[in-house]
Amino acid sequence: MTRPVPSKSAKVSGKAPPPAARRARAAKAPAKPPVTRKPPATRAVLKQDPELRDWTDTGAPDYEPEPSAPAATGYVDHWKALPEDETVIFARPQGFPAVERPAVEREPSRPASRAARPPRRAPMIVQGLWPALLAGALVGASVFGLLPLAGAVLGVQVFLVLGALALLDAPAAGGGFLVATLAVLAADAVIIFGDGSTAGLAGVAGAGFVASLAHQLARRNRSRVTESLADTLVVLVVAVSAACLLALHRLEGGEPLLQISLAAAGAVLLAGRLGDWILPRPGLAVGSTRGWPGLLLGLGGGVAAATVIADLAGEPPLQAAVLLGLVVASTVATADLAVDLGAAELRSGWRDARRVAALRPTALLLPFAVLGPVALLAARLLLT
């Protein structure tokens, strides 16, 4: 049998023509259906994707996906989203390749240490007892004389500086504490050795400002300079203002007024906490633990305490005592509310642990420091 001679096309392609049997089977096989466009409904769905709009209108032939990666293409008869861990794969109708889309970025989760709940505070009764005890200690020190009162006021000032700097989370708090403490010592010395005159307190505050600038210039790592300077000056001014309690004691006829003011301050904080413990709502502001009943009860308690102390001491007149008690009660309640609102941003956890620990001494001492200049001014108006 002679072998068939290959044709020119076979020589070019390098393959022999199929045998007669294969040609016969190929002729009997049904023809493949012609490639047609997708139905109008499917094309309308595909046209919703702007990336496929031009490609769909070209009428390109069907694309056969690679059988080795069926999961990457995911062909179905209609559109649907297949969620994955990192990406979302949009599956196309049969015959069209899949397109990978980047997943929507998720917001980073908060650290586990930054809890969403506020920190735990002492019970309301305890929060009211400590200011009452401090007011009693200051009144007792004023009875024994100027030097015992100066020692008690100095303790209030130093611990207030420590607590306020920690509560504010002031940068370079060590240098700020040194500057504020020196200013406090200078302010107390000016009052004690200056016959009760407060004219030198402005000079002390100015010298403290210069010392704060020098402290910032001496820092090696000068980061957050503005914040550090502002925190130091705020704490310095508040601590220096407590020296006005000494000036009120040295004022002629001012000792009973000082005792009335201190007693009214303690009564305001104690009665206010009792009111908040009994009826904490409605609240004074969002995030505050103080309520309107406690505020009204505190103001009334301050005025009542001032009236009782004035009646026992025999001076000043009843009307003047009522006015002094109302002024003192308003000042102390405002300072207490300011600390409470500032503490609303604190959260339990190690990030705010230092600030939470400093909240208690600051809330205890700040109302008495702010009380100094207000009580001194009110006493001078009543004595003139």
Protein backbone atom coordinates (compact mmCIF):
# COMPACT_ATOMS: atom_id res chain seq x y z
CA MET A 1 0.00 0.00 0.00
CA THR A 2 1.36 3.37 -1.02
CA ARG A 3 1.33 6.17 1.54
CA PRO A 4 -0.59 9.34 0.59
CA VAL A 5 1.50 12.26 -0.51
CA PRO A 6 1.06 15.20 1.91
CA SER A 7 -0.29 18.42 0.45
CA LYS A 8 1.49 21.78 0.50
CA SER A 9 -0.58 22.99 3.46
CA ALA A 10 0.39 19.88 5.38
CA LYS A 11 4.05 20.48 4.62
CA VAL A 12 3.79 24.00 5.89
CA SER A 13 1.96 23.08 9.09
CA GLY A 14 4.01 19.94 9.69
CA LYS A 15 0.90 17.75 10.23
CA ALA A 16 -0.46 14.95 8.10
CA PRO A 17 -4.05 15.22 6.81
CA PRO A 18 -6.64 13.25 8.80
CA PRO A 19 -7.61 9.81 7.59
CA ALA A 20 -10.73 9.24 5.58
CA ALA A 21 -12.61 7.89 8.57
CA ARG A 22 -11.93 10.99 10.61
CA ARG A 23 -12.98 13.20 7.72
CA ALA A 24 -16.21 11.29 7.45
CA ARG A 25 -16.96 11.60 11.16
CA ALA A 26 -16.16 15.32 11.03
CA ALA A 27 -18.58 15.76 8.13
CA LYS A 28 -21.37 13.93 9.98
CA ALA A 29 -20.87 15.93 13.23
CA PRO A 30 -23.44 18.72 13.85
CA ALA A 31 -22.22 22.21 13.19
CA LYS A 32 -21.52 24.50 16.15
CA PRO A 33 -24.18 27.12 16.82
CA PRO A 34 -23.19 30.57 15.63
CA VAL A 35 -22.10 33.14 18.16
CA THR A 36 -24.97 35.47 18.99
CA ARG A 37 -25.37 38.51 21.20
CA LYS A 38 -26.81 38.19 24.65
CA PRO A 39 -30.52 38.81 25.17
CA PRO A 40 -31.51 42.46 25.58
CA ALA A 41 -32.29 42.00 29.28
CA THR A 42 -28.83 40.60 29.96
CA ARG A 43 -27.17 43.35 27.92
CA ALA A 44 -29.11 45.97 29.88
CA VAL A 45 -27.78 44.52 33.11
CA LEU A 46 -24.26 44.46 31.74
CA LYS A 47 -24.47 48.06 30.59
CA GLN A 48 -24.96 49.17 34.20
CA ASP A 49 -21.24 48.66 34.69
CA PRO A 50 -19.41 51.64 33.09
CA GLU A 51 -16.30 49.49 32.54
CA LEU A 52 -18.25 47.01 30.39
CA ARG A 53 -20.38 49.48 28.41
CA ASP A 54 -18.06 49.87 25.42
CA TRP A 55 -16.85 46.28 25.56
CA THR A 56 -20.42 44.92 25.48
CA ASP A 57 -21.43 46.97 22.47
CA THR A 58 -18.61 45.60 20.32
CA GLY A 59 -20.26 42.23 19.96
CA ALA A 60 -17.04 40.33 20.60
CA PRO A 61 -17.23 36.52 20.60
CA ASP A 62 -17.69 34.60 23.79
CA TYR A 63 -14.64 34.15 25.93
CA GLU A 64 -13.96 30.68 27.23
CA PRO A 65 -12.51 30.82 30.77
CA GLU A 66 -9.56 28.74 31.78
CA PRO A 67 -10.77 25.53 33.43
CA SER A 68 -7.84 25.60 35.86
CA ALA A 69 -9.22 28.57 37.86
CA PRO A 70 -13.00 28.31 38.16
CA ALA A 71 -13.06 30.04 41.56
CA ALA A 72 -11.28 33.13 40.24
CA THR A 73 -13.81 33.64 37.42
CA GLY A 74 -17.05 32.39 38.95
CA TYR A 75 -19.34 32.37 35.87
CA VAL A 76 -23.06 32.47 36.49
CA ASP A 77 -26.11 33.25 34.41
CA HIS A 78 -26.74 36.68 35.95
CA TRP A 79 -24.97 39.38 37.96
CA LYS A 80 -24.33 38.91 41.65
CA ALA A 81 -21.62 39.85 44.12
CA LEU A 82 -19.48 37.14 45.68
CA PRO A 83 -18.01 38.45 48.98
CA GLU A 84 -14.44 37.45 49.73
CA ASP A 85 -12.03 38.26 52.57
CA GLU A 86 -10.04 41.00 50.84
CA THR A 87 -11.82 41.60 47.52
CA VAL A 88 -15.30 41.41 46.05
CA ILE A 89 -15.58 39.46 42.76
CA PHE A 90 -18.42 40.48 40.46
CA ALA A 91 -19.46 37.44 38.41
CA ARG A 92 -20.57 37.94 34.80
CA PRO A 93 -22.92 35.92 32.61
CA GLN A 94 -21.52 32.79 31.06
CA GLY A 95 -18.86 33.61 28.54
CA PHE A 96 -17.61 36.88 30.06
CA PRO A 97 -14.50 37.25 32.22
CA ALA A 98 -14.75 38.24 35.87
CA VAL A 99 -13.43 41.57 37.16
CA GLU A 100 -11.95 41.99 40.62
CA ARG A 101 -12.85 45.12 42.55
CA PRO A 102 -11.04 46.37 45.65
CA ALA A 103 -12.99 45.97 48.84
CA VAL A 104 -14.26 48.98 50.78
CA GLU A 105 -11.74 50.10 53.37
CA ARG A 106 -12.85 49.52 56.91
CA GLU A 107 -12.24 51.95 59.75
CA PRO A 108 -9.47 50.81 62.09
CA SER A 109 -10.79 49.38 65.29
CA ARG A 110 -10.09 51.19 68.54
CA PRO A 111 -7.39 49.79 70.75
CA ALA A 112 -8.63 47.37 73.32
CA SER A 113 -7.09 49.45 76.10
CA ARG A 114 -9.21 52.46 75.17
CA ALA A 115 -12.48 51.32 76.68
CA ALA A 116 -15.70 53.04 75.67
CA ARG A 117 -17.02 53.39 79.20
CA PRO A 118 -16.12 56.31 81.49
CA PRO A 119 -13.83 55.70 84.46
CA ARG A 120 -15.18 54.68 87.80
CA ARG A 121 -15.51 57.49 90.31
CA ALA A 122 -15.91 57.58 94.04
CA PRO A 123 -19.47 57.51 95.42
CA MET A 124 -21.26 60.82 95.61
CA ILE A 125 -21.25 60.82 99.40
CA VAL A 126 -17.46 60.40 99.47
CA GLN A 127 -17.06 63.16 96.88
CA GLY A 128 -19.00 65.49 99.17
CA LEU A 129 -17.32 64.53 102.44
CA TRP A 130 -13.76 65.34 101.35
CA PRO A 131 -14.49 69.02 100.48
CA ALA A 132 -16.37 69.41 103.75
CA LEU A 133 -13.38 68.04 105.70
CA LEU A 134 -10.98 70.29 103.80
CA ALA A 135 -13.14 73.34 104.51
CA GLY A 136 -13.20 72.44 108.19
CA ALA A 137 -9.40 72.06 108.24
CA LEU A 138 -8.92 75.48 106.64
CA VAL A 139 -11.35 77.09 109.08
CA GLY A 140 -9.50 75.50 112.00
CA ALA A 141 -6.15 76.68 110.64
CA SER A 142 -7.49 80.24 110.32
CA VAL A 143 -8.53 80.16 113.98
CA PHE A 144 -4.97 79.33 115.09
CA GLY A 145 -3.40 82.20 113.14
CA LEU A 146 -1.80 83.26 109.89
CA LEU A 147 1.12 80.82 109.79
CA PRO A 148 -1.00 77.66 110.24
CA LEU A 149 -3.36 78.98 107.57
CA ALA A 150 -0.39 79.72 105.29
CA GLY A 151 0.85 76.14 105.70
CA ALA A 152 -2.58 74.72 104.87
CA VAL A 153 -2.98 77.01 101.85
CA LEU A 154 0.50 76.09 100.62
CA GLY A 155 -0.42 72.41 100.75
CA VAL A 156 -3.54 73.13 98.72
CA GLN A 157 -1.51 75.04 96.14
CA VAL A 158 1.24 72.44 95.71
CA PHE A 159 -1.10 69.48 95.40
CA LEU A 160 -3.31 71.47 93.04
CA VAL A 161 -0.32 72.12 90.77
CA LEU A 162 0.53 68.41 90.74
CA GLY A 163 -3.02 67.30 90.05
CA ALA A 164 -3.84 69.94 87.45
CA LEU A 165 -0.70 69.30 85.39
CA ALA A 166 -1.41 65.58 85.40
CA LEU A 167 -5.09 66.08 84.55
CA LEU A 168 -4.21 68.36 81.63
CA ASP A 169 -1.52 65.88 80.51
CA ALA A 170 0.85 68.83 80.13
CA PRO A 171 4.08 68.23 78.17
CA ALA A 172 7.27 68.73 80.20
CA ALA A 173 5.23 68.65 83.40
CA GLY A 174 8.35 68.45 85.60
CA GLY A 175 9.62 71.87 84.58
CA GLY A 176 6.10 73.29 84.73
CA PHE A 177 5.70 72.02 88.29
CA LEU A 178 8.98 73.66 89.32
CA VAL A 179 8.00 77.01 87.80
CA ALA A 180 4.50 76.97 89.32
CA THR A 181 5.78 75.95 92.76
CA LEU A 182 8.30 78.79 92.83
CA ALA A 183 5.55 81.21 91.83
CA VAL A 184 3.31 79.90 94.62
CA LEU A 185 6.03 80.35 97.23
CA ALA A 186 6.67 83.88 95.98
CA ALA A 187 2.96 84.75 96.07
CA ASP A 188 2.52 83.53 99.65
CA ALA A 189 5.63 85.42 100.74
CA VAL A 190 4.33 88.62 99.14
CA ILE A 191 1.04 88.33 101.06
CA ILE A 192 2.63 87.42 104.40
CA PHE A 193 5.37 90.04 104.37
CA GLY A 194 3.42 92.70 102.51
CA ASP A 195 0.70 93.37 105.12
CA GLY A 196 -1.92 91.51 103.11
CA SER A 197 -1.56 93.61 99.95
CA THR A 198 -2.30 91.81 96.69
CA ALA A 199 -0.51 94.36 94.52
CA GLY A 200 2.54 92.11 94.20
CA LEU A 201 0.61 89.12 92.83
CA ALA A 202 0.58 90.60 89.33
CA GLY A 203 4.36 90.86 89.44
CA VAL A 204 4.59 87.25 90.59
CA ALA A 205 2.44 86.12 87.67
CA GLY A 206 4.60 88.13 85.25
CA ALA A 207 7.78 86.61 86.65
CA GLY A 208 6.17 83.19 86.29
CA PHE A 209 5.49 83.90 82.62
CA VAL A 210 9.15 84.79 82.05
CA ALA A 211 10.24 81.67 83.91
CA SER A 212 7.88 79.57 81.77
CA LEU A 213 9.44 80.96 78.59
CA ALA A 214 12.91 80.22 79.92
CA HIS A 215 11.80 76.69 80.72
CA GLN A 216 10.59 76.17 77.16
CA LEU A 217 13.87 77.50 75.74
CA ALA A 218 15.86 75.18 78.00
CA ARG A 219 14.01 72.07 76.86
CA ARG A 220 15.97 69.70 74.66
CA ASN A 221 13.02 68.20 72.85
CA ARG A 222 10.89 71.25 72.07
CA SER A 223 7.74 69.44 71.02
CA ARG A 224 4.27 70.78 71.89
CA VAL A 225 5.77 74.03 73.15
CA THR A 226 2.55 76.04 72.92
CA GLU A 227 0.56 73.42 74.78
CA SER A 228 3.17 73.11 77.51
CA LEU A 229 3.40 76.88 77.97
CA ALA A 230 -0.38 77.33 78.10
CA ASP A 231 -0.89 74.52 80.62
CA THR A 232 1.87 75.83 82.86
CA LEU A 233 0.50 79.37 82.87
CA VAL A 234 -3.08 78.26 83.57
CA VAL A 235 -2.02 76.14 86.52
CA LEU A 236 0.30 78.90 87.77
CA VAL A 237 -2.41 81.57 87.76
CA VAL A 238 -4.97 79.33 89.49
CA ALA A 239 -2.49 78.28 92.18
CA VAL A 240 -1.34 81.86 92.80
CA SER A 241 -4.96 83.01 93.17
CA ALA A 242 -5.31 80.79 96.25
CA ALA A 243 -2.97 83.20 98.06
CA CYS A 244 -5.91 85.61 98.24
CA LEU A 245 -7.22 83.52 101.13
CA LEU A 246 -4.22 84.73 103.14
CA ALA A 247 -4.92 88.30 102.06
CA LEU A 248 -8.52 87.97 103.24
CA HIS A 249 -7.31 86.73 106.63
CA ARG A 250 -5.01 89.75 107.01
CA LEU A 251 -7.74 92.17 105.98
CA GLU A 252 -9.21 94.14 108.86
CA GLY A 253 -12.43 92.41 109.80
CA GLY A 254 -11.79 89.76 107.19
CA GLU A 255 -11.21 86.73 109.42
CA PRO A 256 -14.92 86.03 110.09
CA LEU A 257 -15.67 86.61 106.41
CA LEU A 258 -12.98 84.06 105.50
CA GLN A 259 -14.50 81.51 107.83
CA ILE A 260 -17.97 82.15 106.43
CA SER A 261 -16.68 81.73 102.88
CA LEU A 262 -14.87 78.46 103.65
CA ALA A 263 -17.87 77.04 105.50
CA ALA A 264 -20.19 77.98 102.65
CA ALA A 265 -17.84 76.35 100.12
CA GLY A 266 -17.80 73.08 102.03
CA ALA A 267 -21.58 73.15 102.45
CA VAL A 268 -22.13 73.74 98.72
CA LEU A 269 -20.09 70.70 97.69
CA LEU A 270 -21.53 68.44 100.38
CA ALA A 271 -25.17 69.38 99.80
CA GLY A 272 -24.71 69.24 96.03
CA ARG A 273 -23.36 65.69 96.18
CA LEU A 274 -26.23 64.64 98.41
CA GLY A 275 -28.68 66.03 95.87
CA ASP A 276 -26.91 64.25 93.02
CA TRP A 277 -26.98 61.00 94.98
CA ILE A 278 -30.71 61.25 95.72
CA LEU A 279 -31.91 62.67 92.38
CA PRO A 280 -29.23 62.85 89.66
CA ARG A 281 -31.62 63.79 86.85
CA PRO A 282 -32.17 66.03 84.97
CA GLY A 283 -28.49 66.55 84.27
CA LEU A 284 -26.83 69.92 83.94
CA ALA A 285 -25.12 69.09 80.63
CA VAL A 286 -24.31 66.18 78.35
CA GLY A 287 -21.63 64.01 79.92
CA SER A 288 -21.95 65.62 83.35
CA THR A 289 -22.59 63.65 86.53
CA ARG A 290 -24.19 66.70 88.17
CA GLY A 291 -27.91 67.34 88.13
CA TRP A 292 -30.15 70.36 88.55
CA PRO A 293 -31.55 69.19 91.90
CA GLY A 294 -28.04 68.86 93.30
CA LEU A 295 -27.07 72.31 92.03
CA LEU A 296 -30.09 74.00 93.59
CA LEU A 297 -29.63 72.11 96.84
CA GLY A 298 -25.95 73.07 96.90
CA LEU A 299 -26.67 76.76 96.40
CA GLY A 300 -29.25 76.68 99.14
CA GLY A 301 -26.87 74.83 101.45
CA GLY A 302 -24.12 77.39 100.88
CA VAL A 303 -26.40 80.32 101.68
CA ALA A 304 -27.75 78.53 104.76
CA ALA A 305 -24.25 77.74 106.06
CA ALA A 306 -23.14 81.36 105.59
CA THR A 307 -26.21 82.59 107.46
CA VAL A 308 -25.67 80.19 110.38
CA ILE A 309 -21.97 81.04 110.77
CA ALA A 310 -22.70 84.77 110.61
CA ASP A 311 -25.41 84.41 113.25
CA LEU A 312 -23.05 82.50 115.55
CA ALA A 313 -20.19 84.97 115.05
CA GLY A 314 -22.42 88.04 115.37
CA GLU A 315 -21.07 89.60 112.18
CA PRO A 316 -21.56 90.55 109.41
CA PRO A 317 -25.24 91.51 109.14
CA LEU A 318 -27.67 88.88 107.94
CA GLN A 319 -28.21 90.48 104.53
CA ALA A 320 -24.47 90.74 103.90
CA ALA A 321 -23.98 87.11 104.95
CA VAL A 322 -26.68 85.96 102.54
CA LEU A 323 -25.07 87.86 99.66
CA LEU A 324 -21.62 86.53 100.52
CA GLY A 325 -22.93 82.97 100.76
CA LEU A 326 -24.65 83.26 97.38
CA VAL A 327 -21.51 84.61 95.69
CA VAL A 328 -19.32 81.91 97.22
CA ALA A 329 -21.81 79.16 96.40
CA SER A 330 -22.05 80.24 92.75
CA THR A 331 -18.27 80.38 92.37
CA VAL A 332 -17.61 77.00 93.96
CA ALA A 333 -20.43 75.28 92.05
CA THR A 334 -19.14 76.69 88.75
CA ALA A 335 -15.58 75.48 89.40
CA ASP A 336 -16.84 72.06 90.41
CA LEU A 337 -18.99 71.78 87.29
CA ALA A 338 -16.03 72.81 85.09
CA VAL A 339 -13.92 69.95 86.43
CA ASP A 340 -16.80 67.53 86.00
CA LEU A 341 -17.36 68.50 82.37
CA GLY A 342 -13.64 68.31 81.66
CA ALA A 343 -13.57 64.77 83.03
CA ALA A 344 -16.31 63.64 80.63
CA GLU A 345 -13.73 62.87 77.93
CA LEU A 346 -11.78 60.48 80.15
CA ARG A 347 -12.09 56.73 79.56
CA SER A 348 -11.09 53.75 81.62
CA GLY A 349 -7.85 52.10 80.55
CA TRP A 350 -4.13 52.60 80.80
CA ARG A 351 -4.09 55.56 78.40
CA ASP A 352 -6.04 57.80 80.79
CA ALA A 353 -5.03 56.11 84.04
CA ARG A 354 -2.78 59.00 85.10
CA ARG A 355 -5.42 61.62 84.33
CA VAL A 356 -8.13 59.66 86.11
CA ALA A 357 -5.94 59.42 89.21
CA ALA A 358 -5.36 63.20 89.11
CA LEU A 359 -9.07 63.95 88.76
CA ARG A 360 -9.90 63.48 92.46
CA PRO A 361 -7.37 65.90 93.99
CA THR A 362 -8.01 68.47 91.27
CA ALA A 363 -11.77 68.36 91.77
CA LEU A 364 -11.24 68.68 95.52
CA LEU A 365 -8.77 71.59 95.53
CA LEU A 366 -9.72 73.71 92.52
CA PRO A 367 -12.93 75.21 94.01
CA PHE A 368 -11.02 76.48 97.07
CA ALA A 369 -8.28 78.03 94.92
CA VAL A 370 -10.80 79.85 92.72
CA LEU A 371 -12.67 80.95 95.83
CA GLY A 372 -9.78 83.18 97.03
CA PRO A 373 -10.04 86.23 94.74
CA VAL A 374 -13.86 86.14 94.64
CA ALA A 375 -14.19 86.01 98.42
CA LEU A 376 -11.59 88.77 98.83
CA LEU A 377 -13.42 91.06 96.40
CA ALA A 378 -16.81 90.37 98.02
CA ALA A 379 -15.39 91.01 101.49
CA ARG A 380 -13.91 94.36 100.47
CA LEU A 381 -17.24 95.41 99.00
CA LEU A 382 -19.08 94.42 102.17
CA LEU A 383 -16.60 96.13 104.51
CA THR A 384 -16.57 99.47 102.70
